[in-house]
Amino acid sequence: MKQHARAHLERHLAVRPVWRCRECAAAWPCPAAKLRLRAEYAHDRPGLAIYLCVLMHDAISDRLRIDPDGVDPAEYFRRFIGWTRSSGLCLTDTAMPIRSSRADTRA
């Protein structure tokens, strides 16, 4: 990534307790923050999900202090974790194929 582009992406940080991007004011993680995080964790997708789970917990805690009735857990999941799935599926999707542990020997 070029130095100028990297510097631009690094400015997209969360402002707490509202969890908005300090650069573009979008809900964090904003698209630029997502690009930066994907690049930083390119070889560690589980690490990215764990890191974002911790931040999601912090964001929910902050929101509960501001507005106890304003927390939608599914929205927070989509916002912080859902986009990290490379397949585009949400972890709560139940329509996953079931694979047999034995090989199918029929011809």
PDB file of N, CA and C in Angstrom:
ATOM      1  N   MET A   1       0.844  -1.164   0.000  1.00  0.00           N
ATOM      2  CA  MET A   1       0.000   0.000   0.000  1.00  0.00           C
ATOM      3  C   MET A   1       0.893   1.232   0.000  1.00  0.00           C
ATOM      4  N   LYS A   2       0.558   2.224  -0.807  1.00  0.00           N
ATOM      5  CA  LYS A   2       1.361   3.432  -0.880  1.00  0.00           C
ATOM      6  C   LYS A   2       1.272   4.208   0.428  1.00  0.00           C
ATOM      7  N   GLN A   3       2.338   4.958   0.723  1.00  0.00           N
ATOM      8  CA  GLN A   3       2.444   5.682   1.986  1.00  0.00           C
ATOM      9  C   GLN A   3       1.286   6.661   2.188  1.00  0.00           C
ATOM     10  N   HIS A   4       0.906   7.413   1.159  1.00  0.00           N
ATOM     11  CA  HIS A   4      -0.177   8.392   1.285  1.00  0.00           C
ATOM     12  C   HIS A   4      -1.503   7.695   1.578  1.00  0.00           C
ATOM     13  N   ALA A   5      -1.780   6.622   0.858  1.00  0.00           N
ATOM     14  CA  ALA A   5      -3.025   5.882   1.071  1.00  0.00           C
ATOM     15  C   ALA A   5      -3.047   5.272   2.462  1.00  0.00           C
ATOM     16  N   ARG A   6      -1.938   4.742   2.902  1.00  0.00           N
ATOM     17  CA  ARG A   6      -1.858   4.143   4.242  1.00  0.00           C
ATOM     18  C   ARG A   6      -2.112   5.208   5.314  1.00  0.00           C
ATOM     19  N   ALA A   7      -1.517   6.382   5.164  1.00  0.00           N
ATOM     20  CA  ALA A   7      -1.710   7.462   6.137  1.00  0.00           C
ATOM     21  C   ALA A   7      -3.178   7.879   6.185  1.00  0.00           C
ATOM     22  N   HIS A   8      -3.816   7.929   5.026  1.00  0.00           N
ATOM     23  CA  HIS A   8      -5.238   8.287   4.978  1.00  0.00           C
ATOM     24  C   HIS A   8      -6.081   7.259   5.731  1.00  0.00           C
ATOM     25  N   LEU A   9      -5.823   5.981   5.506  1.00  0.00           N
ATOM     26  CA  LEU A   9      -6.600   4.930   6.162  1.00  0.00           C
ATOM     27  C   LEU A   9      -6.364   4.900   7.665  1.00  0.00           C
ATOM     28  N   GLU A  10      -5.161   5.251   8.100  1.00  0.00           N
ATOM     29  CA  GLU A  10      -4.839   5.215   9.523  1.00  0.00           C
ATOM     30  C   GLU A  10      -5.561   6.290  10.317  1.00  0.00           C
ATOM     31  N   ARG A  11      -6.105   7.297   9.656  1.00  0.00           N
ATOM     32  CA  ARG A  11      -6.841   8.355  10.360  1.00  0.00           C
ATOM     33  C   ARG A  11      -8.272   7.945  10.692  1.00  0.00           C
ATOM     34  N   HIS A  12      -8.725   6.844  10.142  1.00  0.00           N
ATOM     35  CA  HIS A  12     -10.106   6.393  10.350  1.00  0.00           C
ATOM     36  C   HIS A  12     -10.188   5.547  11.623  1.00  0.00           C
ATOM     37  N   LEU A  13     -10.233   6.245  12.756  1.00  0.00           N
ATOM     38  CA  LEU A  13     -10.268   5.617  14.069  1.00  0.00           C
ATOM     39  C   LEU A  13     -11.590   5.919  14.757  1.00  0.00           C
ATOM     40  N   ALA A  14     -11.950   5.085  15.697  1.00  0.00           N
ATOM     41  CA  ALA A  14     -13.208   5.260  16.422  1.00  0.00           C
ATOM     42  C   ALA A  14     -13.088   6.351  17.475  1.00  0.00           C
ATOM     43  N   VAL A  15     -14.140   7.161  17.558  1.00  0.00           N
ATOM     44  CA  VAL A  15     -14.270   8.143  18.625  1.00  0.00           C
ATOM     45  C   VAL A  15     -15.240   7.554  19.643  1.00  0.00           C
ATOM     46  N   ARG A  16     -14.755   7.383  20.849  1.00  0.00           N
ATOM     47  CA  ARG A  16     -15.589   6.819  21.910  1.00  0.00           C
ATOM     48  C   ARG A  16     -16.179   7.941  22.737  1.00  0.00           C
ATOM     49  N   PRO A  17     -17.340   7.778  23.262  1.00  0.00           N
ATOM     50  CA  PRO A  17     -18.163   6.580  23.385  1.00  0.00           C
ATOM     51  C   PRO A  17     -19.183   6.394  22.263  1.00  0.00           C
ATOM     52  N   VAL A  18     -19.159   7.263  21.250  1.00  0.00           N
ATOM     53  CA  VAL A  18     -20.187   7.175  20.199  1.00  0.00           C
ATOM     54  C   VAL A  18     -19.823   6.208  19.078  1.00  0.00           C
ATOM     55  N   TRP A  19     -18.576   5.791  18.999  1.00  0.00           N
ATOM     56  CA  TRP A  19     -18.104   4.833  17.996  1.00  0.00           C
ATOM     57  C   TRP A  19     -18.420   5.289  16.574  1.00  0.00           C
ATOM     58  N   ARG A  20     -18.034   6.537  16.299  1.00  0.00           N
ATOM     59  CA  ARG A  20     -18.085   7.104  14.962  1.00  0.00           C
ATOM     60  C   ARG A  20     -16.645   7.330  14.521  1.00  0.00           C
ATOM     61  N   CYS A  21     -16.423   7.322  13.221  1.00  0.00           N
ATOM     62  CA  CYS A  21     -15.081   7.542  12.692  1.00  0.00           C
ATOM     63  C   CYS A  21     -14.694   9.015  12.875  1.00  0.00           C
ATOM     64  N   ARG A  22     -13.495   9.243  13.393  1.00  0.00           N
ATOM     65  CA  ARG A  22     -13.072  10.627  13.608  1.00  0.00           C
ATOM     66  C   ARG A  22     -12.756  11.336  12.291  1.00  0.00           C
ATOM     67  N   GLU A  23     -12.544  10.606  11.226  1.00  0.00           N
ATOM     68  CA  GLU A  23     -12.205  11.203   9.935  1.00  0.00           C
ATOM     69  C   GLU A  23     -13.441  11.472   9.081  1.00  0.00           C
ATOM     70  N   CYS A  24     -14.339  10.490   8.978  1.00  0.00           N
ATOM     71  CA  CYS A  24     -15.483  10.629   8.061  1.00  0.00           C
ATOM     72  C   CYS A  24     -16.841  10.658   8.769  1.00  0.00           C
ATOM     73  N   ALA A  25     -16.852  10.461  10.076  1.00  0.00           N
ATOM     74  CA  ALA A  25     -18.057  10.499  10.919  1.00  0.00           C
ATOM     75  C   ALA A  25     -19.037   9.355  10.660  1.00  0.00           C
ATOM     76  N   ALA A  26     -18.636   8.362   9.899  1.00  0.00           N
ATOM     77  CA  ALA A  26     -19.490   7.191   9.677  1.00  0.00           C
ATOM     78  C   ALA A  26     -19.432   6.288  10.905  1.00  0.00           C
ATOM     79  N   ALA A  27     -20.409   5.405  11.020  1.00  0.00           N
ATOM     80  CA  ALA A  27     -20.367   4.405  12.090  1.00  0.00           C
ATOM     81  C   ALA A  27     -19.074   3.607  11.930  1.00  0.00           C
ATOM     82  N   TRP A  28     -18.367   3.417  13.038  1.00  0.00           N
ATOM     83  CA  TRP A  28     -17.099   2.695  12.986  1.00  0.00           C
ATOM     84  C   TRP A  28     -17.326   1.218  13.273  1.00  0.00           C
ATOM     85  N   PRO A  29     -16.698   0.318  12.534  1.00  0.00           N
ATOM     86  CA  PRO A  29     -15.678   0.579  11.523  1.00  0.00           C
ATOM     87  C   PRO A  29     -16.280   1.034  10.200  1.00  0.00           C
ATOM     88  N   CYS A  30     -15.788   2.161   9.745  1.00  0.00           N
ATOM     89  CA  CYS A  30     -16.221   2.718   8.466  1.00  0.00           C
ATOM     90  C   CYS A  30     -15.558   1.928   7.332  1.00  0.00           C
ATOM     91  N   PRO A  31     -15.952   2.163   6.079  1.00  0.00           N
ATOM     92  CA  PRO A  31     -15.318   1.420   4.972  1.00  0.00           C
ATOM     93  C   PRO A  31     -13.792   1.539   4.936  1.00  0.00           C
ATOM     94  N   ALA A  32     -13.256   2.720   5.212  1.00  0.00           N
ATOM     95  CA  ALA A  32     -11.799   2.878   5.194  1.00  0.00           C
ATOM     96  C   ALA A  32     -11.147   2.093   6.331  1.00  0.00           C
ATOM     97  N   ALA A  33     -11.769   2.090   7.502  1.00  0.00           N
ATOM     98  CA  ALA A  33     -11.227   1.313   8.623  1.00  0.00           C
ATOM     99  C   ALA A  33     -11.270  -0.179   8.302  1.00  0.00           C
ATOM    100  N   LYS A  34     -12.325  -0.621   7.640  1.00  0.00           N
ATOM    101  CA  LYS A  34     -12.429  -2.030   7.256  1.00  0.00           C
ATOM    102  C   LYS A  34     -11.303  -2.413   6.297  1.00  0.00           C
ATOM    103  N   LEU A  35     -11.008  -1.525   5.341  1.00  0.00           N
ATOM    104  CA  LEU A  35      -9.900  -1.795   4.409  1.00  0.00           C
ATOM    105  C   LEU A  35      -8.581  -1.930   5.168  1.00  0.00           C
ATOM    106  N   ARG A  36      -8.344  -1.012   6.085  1.00  0.00           N
ATOM    107  CA  ARG A  36      -7.101  -1.049   6.867  1.00  0.00           C
ATOM    108  C   ARG A  36      -7.025  -2.310   7.719  1.00  0.00           C
ATOM    109  N   LEU A  37      -8.119  -2.642   8.379  1.00  0.00           N
ATOM    110  CA  LEU A  37      -8.126  -3.839   9.230  1.00  0.00           C
ATOM    111  C   LEU A  37      -7.938  -5.104   8.402  1.00  0.00           C
ATOM    112  N   ARG A  38      -8.594  -5.174   7.236  1.00  0.00           N
ATOM    113  CA  ARG A  38      -8.403  -6.343   6.360  1.00  0.00           C
ATOM    114  C   ARG A  38      -6.944  -6.489   5.944  1.00  0.00           C
ATOM    115  N   ALA A  39      -6.301  -5.372   5.642  1.00  0.00           N
ATOM    116  CA  ALA A  39      -4.892  -5.421   5.246  1.00  0.00           C
ATOM    117  C   ALA A  39      -4.009  -5.838   6.427  1.00  0.00           C
ATOM    118  N   GLU A  40      -4.267  -5.268   7.603  1.00  0.00           N
ATOM    119  CA  GLU A  40      -3.467  -5.594   8.776  1.00  0.00           C
ATOM    120  C   GLU A  40      -3.599  -7.050   9.188  1.00  0.00           C
ATOM    121  N   TYR A  41      -4.789  -7.603   9.031  1.00  0.00           N
ATOM    122  CA  TYR A  41      -5.058  -8.975   9.459  1.00  0.00           C
ATOM    123  C   TYR A  41      -5.229  -9.922   8.270  1.00  0.00           C
ATOM    124  N   ALA A  42      -4.596  -9.609   7.167  1.00  0.00           N
ATOM    125  CA  ALA A  42      -4.765 -10.398   5.948  1.00  0.00           C
ATOM    126  C   ALA A  42      -4.456 -11.875   6.154  1.00  0.00           C
ATOM    127  N   HIS A  43      -3.515 -12.179   7.017  1.00  0.00           N
ATOM    128  CA  HIS A  43      -3.114 -13.569   7.242  1.00  0.00           C
ATOM    129  C   HIS A  43      -3.591 -14.094   8.595  1.00  0.00           C
ATOM    130  N   ASP A  44      -4.522 -13.366   9.206  1.00  0.00           N
ATOM    131  CA  ASP A  44      -5.020 -13.784  10.520  1.00  0.00           C
ATOM    132  C   ASP A  44      -6.487 -13.378  10.682  1.00  0.00           C
ATOM    133  N   ARG A  45      -7.358 -13.959   9.859  1.00  0.00           N
ATOM    134  CA  ARG A  45      -8.784 -13.636   9.936  1.00  0.00           C
ATOM    135  C   ARG A  45      -9.383 -13.961  11.303  1.00  0.00           C
ATOM    136  N   PRO A  46      -9.032 -15.085  11.929  1.00  0.00           N
ATOM    137  CA  PRO A  46      -9.564 -15.333  13.281  1.00  0.00           C
ATOM    138  C   PRO A  46      -9.127 -14.247  14.267  1.00  0.00           C
ATOM    139  N   GLY A  47      -7.896 -13.793  14.144  1.00  0.00           N
ATOM    140  CA  GLY A  47      -7.401 -12.718  15.007  1.00  0.00           C
ATOM    141  C   GLY A  47      -8.191 -11.439  14.811  1.00  0.00           C
ATOM    142  N   LEU A  48      -8.537 -11.139  13.564  1.00  0.00           N
ATOM    143  CA  LEU A  48      -9.354  -9.957  13.268  1.00  0.00           C
ATOM    144  C   LEU A  48     -10.720 -10.081  13.926  1.00  0.00           C
ATOM    145  N   ALA A  49     -11.340 -11.242  13.814  1.00  0.00           N
ATOM    146  CA  ALA A  49     -12.663 -11.444  14.414  1.00  0.00           C
ATOM    147  C   ALA A  49     -12.600 -11.317  15.936  1.00  0.00           C
ATOM    148  N   ILE A  50     -11.563 -11.860  16.542  1.00  0.00           N
ATOM    149  CA  ILE A  50     -11.421 -11.769  18.000  1.00  0.00           C
ATOM    150  C   ILE A  50     -11.214 -10.313  18.415  1.00  0.00           C
ATOM    151  N   TYR A  51     -10.357  -9.618  17.716  1.00  0.00           N
ATOM    152  CA  TYR A  51     -10.106  -8.201  18.009  1.00  0.00           C
ATOM    153  C   TYR A  51     -11.401  -7.400  17.907  1.00  0.00           C
ATOM    154  N   LEU A  52     -12.161  -7.633  16.842  1.00  0.00           N
ATOM    155  CA  LEU A  52     -13.404  -6.898  16.662  1.00  0.00           C
ATOM    156  C   LEU A  52     -14.469  -7.300  17.672  1.00  0.00           C
ATOM    157  N   CYS A  53     -14.444  -8.534  18.148  1.00  0.00           N
ATOM    158  CA  CYS A  53     -15.367  -8.946  19.222  1.00  0.00           C
ATOM    159  C   CYS A  53     -15.118  -8.129  20.484  1.00  0.00           C
ATOM    160  N   VAL A  54     -13.860  -7.921  20.802  1.00  0.00           N
ATOM    161  CA  VAL A  54     -13.515  -7.116  21.977  1.00  0.00           C
ATOM    162  C   VAL A  54     -14.004  -5.682  21.792  1.00  0.00           C
ATOM    163  N   LEU A  55     -13.774  -5.124  20.604  1.00  0.00           N
ATOM    164  CA  LEU A  55     -14.226  -3.758  20.343  1.00  0.00           C
ATOM    165  C   LEU A  55     -15.750  -3.667  20.337  1.00  0.00           C
ATOM    166  N   MET A  56     -16.417  -4.689  19.813  1.00  0.00           N
ATOM    167  CA  MET A  56     -17.878  -4.707  19.820  1.00  0.00           C
ATOM    168  C   MET A  56     -18.383  -4.692  21.260  1.00  0.00           C
ATOM    169  N   HIS A  57     -17.771  -5.475  22.116  1.00  0.00           N
ATOM    170  CA  HIS A  57     -18.151  -5.490  23.534  1.00  0.00           C
ATOM    171  C   HIS A  57     -17.995  -4.093  24.136  1.00  0.00           C
ATOM    172  N   ASP A  58     -16.881  -3.435  23.845  1.00  0.00           N
ATOM    173  CA  ASP A  58     -16.662  -2.074  24.343  1.00  0.00           C
ATOM    174  C   ASP A  58     -17.713  -1.110  23.809  1.00  0.00           C
ATOM    175  N   ALA A  59     -18.037  -1.229  22.520  1.00  0.00           N
ATOM    176  CA  ALA A  59     -19.026  -0.339  21.909  1.00  0.00           C
ATOM    177  C   ALA A  59     -20.407  -0.540  22.528  1.00  0.00           C
ATOM    178  N   ILE A  60     -20.774  -1.785  22.765  1.00  0.00           N
ATOM    179  CA  ILE A  60     -22.070  -2.069  23.392  1.00  0.00           C
ATOM    180  C   ILE A  60     -22.089  -1.517  24.816  1.00  0.00           C
ATOM    181  N   SER A  61     -21.016  -1.705  25.548  1.00  0.00           N
ATOM    182  CA  SER A  61     -20.938  -1.175  26.917  1.00  0.00           C
ATOM    183  C   SER A  61     -21.065   0.345  26.925  1.00  0.00           C
ATOM    184  N   ASP A  62     -20.366   0.999  26.007  1.00  0.00           N
ATOM    185  CA  ASP A  62     -20.464   2.456  25.910  1.00  0.00           C
ATOM    186  C   ASP A  62     -21.894   2.883  25.579  1.00  0.00           C
ATOM    187  N   ARG A  63     -22.514   2.194  24.635  1.00  0.00           N
ATOM    188  CA  ARG A  63     -23.876   2.539  24.235  1.00  0.00           C
ATOM    189  C   ARG A  63     -24.875   2.336  25.368  1.00  0.00           C
ATOM    190  N   LEU A  64     -24.698   1.272  26.134  1.00  0.00           N
ATOM    191  CA  LEU A  64     -25.600   1.014  27.256  1.00  0.00           C
ATOM    192  C   LEU A  64     -25.527   2.123  28.307  1.00  0.00           C
ATOM    193  N   ARG A  65     -24.343   2.721  28.471  1.00  0.00           N
ATOM    194  CA  ARG A  65     -24.215   3.835  29.412  1.00  0.00           C
ATOM    195  C   ARG A  65     -24.922   5.083  28.885  1.00  0.00           C
ATOM    196  N   ILE A  66     -24.919   5.278  27.569  1.00  0.00           N
ATOM    197  CA  ILE A  66     -25.544   6.453  26.959  1.00  0.00           C
ATOM    198  C   ILE A  66     -27.048   6.261  26.799  1.00  0.00           C
ATOM    199  N   ASP A  67     -27.436   5.098  26.271  1.00  0.00           N
ATOM    200  CA  ASP A  67     -28.843   4.820  25.954  1.00  0.00           C
ATOM    201  C   ASP A  67     -29.111   3.336  26.164  1.00  0.00           C
ATOM    202  N   PRO A  68     -29.563   2.955  27.370  1.00  0.00           N
ATOM    203  CA  PRO A  68     -29.758   1.531  27.673  1.00  0.00           C
ATOM    204  C   PRO A  68     -30.737   0.821  26.746  1.00  0.00           C
ATOM    205  N   ASP A  69     -31.642   1.536  26.118  1.00  0.00           N
ATOM    206  CA  ASP A  69     -32.608   0.902  25.217  1.00  0.00           C
ATOM    207  C   ASP A  69     -32.163   0.923  23.757  1.00  0.00           C
ATOM    208  N   GLY A  70     -30.991   1.480  23.475  1.00  0.00           N
ATOM    209  CA  GLY A  70     -30.575   1.677  22.093  1.00  0.00           C
ATOM    210  C   GLY A  70     -29.636   0.631  21.527  1.00  0.00           C
ATOM    211  N   VAL A  71     -29.588  -0.550  22.114  1.00  0.00           N
ATOM    212  CA  VAL A  71     -28.655  -1.574  21.638  1.00  0.00           C
ATOM    213  C   VAL A  71     -29.411  -2.675  20.895  1.00  0.00           C
ATOM    214  N   ASP A  72     -29.053  -2.867  19.635  1.00  0.00           N
ATOM    215  CA  ASP A  72     -29.569  -3.969  18.825  1.00  0.00           C
ATOM    216  C   ASP A  72     -28.398  -4.925  18.604  1.00  0.00           C
ATOM    217  N   PRO A  73     -28.350  -6.044  19.344  1.00  0.00           N
ATOM    218  CA  PRO A  73     -27.202  -6.956  19.240  1.00  0.00           C
ATOM    219  C   PRO A  73     -26.915  -7.426  17.816  1.00  0.00           C
ATOM    220  N   ALA A  74     -27.950  -7.704  17.042  1.00  0.00           N
ATOM    221  CA  ALA A  74     -27.727  -8.169  15.664  1.00  0.00           C
ATOM    222  C   ALA A  74     -27.055  -7.092  14.823  1.00  0.00           C
ATOM    223  N   GLU A  75     -27.442  -5.855  15.009  1.00  0.00           N
ATOM    224  CA  GLU A  75     -26.818  -4.759  14.267  1.00  0.00           C
ATOM    225  C   GLU A  75     -25.353  -4.593  14.664  1.00  0.00           C
ATOM    226  N   TYR A  76     -25.066  -4.689  15.938  1.00  0.00           N
ATOM    227  CA  TYR A  76     -23.672  -4.595  16.378  1.00  0.00           C
ATOM    228  C   TYR A  76     -22.852  -5.749  15.811  1.00  0.00           C
ATOM    229  N   PHE A  77     -23.431  -6.945  15.759  1.00  0.00           N
ATOM    230  CA  PHE A  77     -22.722  -8.075  15.176  1.00  0.00           C
ATOM    231  C   PHE A  77     -22.413  -7.812  13.699  1.00  0.00           C
ATOM    232  N   ARG A  78     -23.419  -7.391  12.942  1.00  0.00           N
ATOM    233  CA  ARG A  78     -23.187  -7.097  11.513  1.00  0.00           C
ATOM    234  C   ARG A  78     -22.121  -6.026  11.343  1.00  0.00           C
ATOM    235  N   ARG A  79     -22.218  -4.995  12.152  1.00  0.00           N
ATOM    236  CA  ARG A  79     -21.311  -3.848  12.033  1.00  0.00           C
ATOM    237  C   ARG A  79     -19.867  -4.217  12.368  1.00  0.00           C
ATOM    238  N   PHE A  80     -19.659  -4.976  13.416  1.00  0.00           N
ATOM    239  CA  PHE A  80     -18.298  -5.262  13.868  1.00  0.00           C
ATOM    240  C   PHE A  80     -17.737  -6.583  13.364  1.00  0.00           C
ATOM    241  N   ILE A  81     -18.545  -7.608  13.242  1.00  0.00           N
ATOM    242  CA  ILE A  81     -18.029  -8.940  12.942  1.00  0.00           C
ATOM    243  C   ILE A  81     -18.456  -9.460  11.579  1.00  0.00           C
ATOM    244  N   GLY A  82     -19.712  -9.262  11.226  1.00  0.00           N
ATOM    245  CA  GLY A  82     -20.281  -9.879  10.032  1.00  0.00           C
ATOM    246  C   GLY A  82     -19.499  -9.650   8.753  1.00  0.00           C
ATOM    247  N   TRP A  83     -18.940  -8.470   8.588  1.00  0.00           N
ATOM    248  CA  TRP A  83     -18.229  -8.160   7.342  1.00  0.00           C
ATOM    249  C   TRP A  83     -16.889  -8.881   7.226  1.00  0.00           C
ATOM    250  N   THR A  84     -16.404  -9.483   8.295  1.00  0.00           N
ATOM    251  CA  THR A  84     -15.092 -10.137   8.242  1.00  0.00           C
ATOM    252  C   THR A  84     -15.135 -11.496   7.561  1.00  0.00           C
ATOM    253  N   ARG A  85     -16.331 -12.032   7.398  1.00  0.00           N
ATOM    254  CA  ARG A  85     -16.475 -13.351   6.772  1.00  0.00           C
ATOM    255  C   ARG A  85     -16.179 -13.245   5.286  1.00  0.00           C
ATOM    256  N   SER A  86     -15.194 -13.966   4.811  1.00  0.00           N
ATOM    257  CA  SER A  86     -14.808 -13.885   3.398  1.00  0.00           C
ATOM    258  C   SER A  86     -15.889 -14.414   2.475  1.00  0.00           C
ATOM    259  N   SER A  87     -16.713 -15.353   2.946  1.00  0.00           N
ATOM    260  CA  SER A  87     -17.754 -15.917   2.098  1.00  0.00           C
ATOM    261  C   SER A  87     -18.966 -15.002   1.988  1.00  0.00           C
ATOM    262  N   GLY A  88     -19.026 -13.986   2.835  1.00  0.00           N
ATOM    263  CA  GLY A  88     -20.167 -13.096   2.833  1.00  0.00           C
ATOM    264  C   GLY A  88     -21.319 -13.612   3.677  1.00  0.00           C
ATOM    265  N   LEU A  89     -21.191 -14.823   4.228  1.00  0.00           N
ATOM    266  CA  LEU A  89     -22.232 -15.373   5.082  1.00  0.00           C
ATOM    267  C   LEU A  89     -22.074 -14.855   6.494  1.00  0.00           C
ATOM    268  N   CYS A  90     -23.160 -14.661   7.151  1.00  0.00           N
ATOM    269  CA  CYS A  90     -23.158 -14.261   8.545  1.00  0.00           C
ATOM    270  C   CYS A  90     -22.984 -15.508   9.408  1.00  0.00           C
ATOM    271  N   LEU A  91     -22.320 -15.389  10.526  1.00  0.00           N
ATOM    272  CA  LEU A  91     -22.116 -16.540  11.394  1.00  0.00           C
ATOM    273  C   LEU A  91     -23.419 -17.109  11.917  1.00  0.00           C
ATOM    274  N   THR A  92     -24.490 -16.346  11.876  1.00  0.00           N
ATOM    275  CA  THR A  92     -25.766 -16.835  12.382  1.00  0.00           C
ATOM    276  C   THR A  92     -26.572 -17.549  11.306  1.00  0.00           C
ATOM    277  N   ASP A  93     -26.067 -17.605  10.070  1.00  0.00           N
ATOM    278  CA  ASP A  93     -26.772 -18.323   9.013  1.00  0.00           C
ATOM    279  C   ASP A  93     -26.843 -19.803   9.364  1.00  0.00           C
ATOM    280  N   THR A  94     -28.019 -20.399   9.173  1.00  0.00           N
ATOM    281  CA  THR A  94     -28.172 -21.818   9.498  1.00  0.00           C
ATOM    282  C   THR A  94     -28.181 -22.685   8.248  1.00  0.00           C
ATOM    283  N   ALA A  95     -28.169 -22.100   7.094  1.00  0.00           N
ATOM    284  CA  ALA A  95     -28.238 -22.864   5.855  1.00  0.00           C
ATOM    285  C   ALA A  95     -26.850 -23.266   5.387  1.00  0.00           C
ATOM    286  N   MET A  96     -26.123 -23.947   6.244  1.00  0.00           N
ATOM    287  CA  MET A  96     -24.789 -24.401   5.891  1.00  0.00           C
ATOM    288  C   MET A  96     -24.861 -25.857   5.456  1.00  0.00           C
ATOM    289  N   PRO A  97     -24.125 -26.237   4.422  1.00  0.00           N
ATOM    290  CA  PRO A  97     -24.154 -27.628   3.971  1.00  0.00           C
ATOM    291  C   PRO A  97     -23.582 -28.563   5.024  1.00  0.00           C
ATOM    292  N   ILE A  98     -24.167 -29.717   5.133  1.00  0.00           N
ATOM    293  CA  ILE A  98     -23.692 -30.729   6.073  1.00  0.00           C
ATOM    294  C   ILE A  98     -22.880 -31.741   5.283  1.00  0.00           C
ATOM    295  N   ARG A  99     -21.651 -31.955   5.730  1.00  0.00           N
ATOM    296  CA  ARG A  99     -20.772 -32.902   5.044  1.00  0.00           C
ATOM    297  C   ARG A  99     -20.686 -34.174   5.855  1.00  0.00           C
ATOM    298  N   SER A 100     -20.734 -35.275   5.152  1.00  0.00           N
ATOM    299  CA  SER A 100     -20.611 -36.567   5.801  1.00  0.00           C
ATOM    300  C   SER A 100     -19.148 -36.850   6.080  1.00  0.00           C
ATOM    301  N   SER A 101     -18.854 -37.519   7.168  1.00  0.00           N
ATOM    302  CA  SER A 101     -17.477 -37.860   7.482  1.00  0.00           C
ATOM    303  C   SER A 101     -16.994 -39.064   6.701  1.00  0.00           C
ATOM    304  N   ARG A 102     -17.929 -39.803   6.104  1.00  0.00           N
ATOM    305  CA  ARG A 102     -17.511 -40.968   5.307  1.00  0.00           C
ATOM    306  C   ARG A 102     -17.631 -40.626   3.826  1.00  0.00           C
ATOM    307  N   ALA A 103     -16.771 -41.193   3.050  1.00  0.00           N
ATOM    308  CA  ALA A 103     -16.791 -40.948   1.610  1.00  0.00           C
ATOM    309  C   ALA A 103     -17.980 -41.664   0.967  1.00  0.00           C
ATOM    310  N   ASP A 104     -18.575 -41.025  -0.004  1.00  0.00           N
ATOM    311  CA  ASP A 104     -19.691 -41.625  -0.727  1.00  0.00           C
ATOM    312  C   ASP A 104     -19.090 -42.563  -1.767  1.00  0.00           C
ATOM    313  N   THR A 105     -19.368 -43.860  -1.665  1.00  0.00           N
ATOM    314  CA  THR A 105     -18.738 -44.850  -2.551  1.00  0.00           C
ATOM    315  C   THR A 105     -19.627 -45.236  -3.708  1.00  0.00           C
ATOM    316  N   ARG A 106     -20.822 -44.625  -3.806  1.00  0.00           N
ATOM    317  CA  ARG A 106     -21.702 -44.960  -4.926  1.00  0.00           C
ATOM    318  C   ARG A 106     -21.135 -44.382  -6.215  1.00  0.00           C
ATOM    319  N   ALA A 107     -21.286 -45.125  -7.299  1.00  0.00           N
ATOM    320  CA  ALA A 107     -20.772 -44.678  -8.599  1.00  0.00           C
ATOM    321  C   ALA A 107     -21.806 -43.935  -9.372  1.00  0.00           C
TER     322      ALA A 107
END
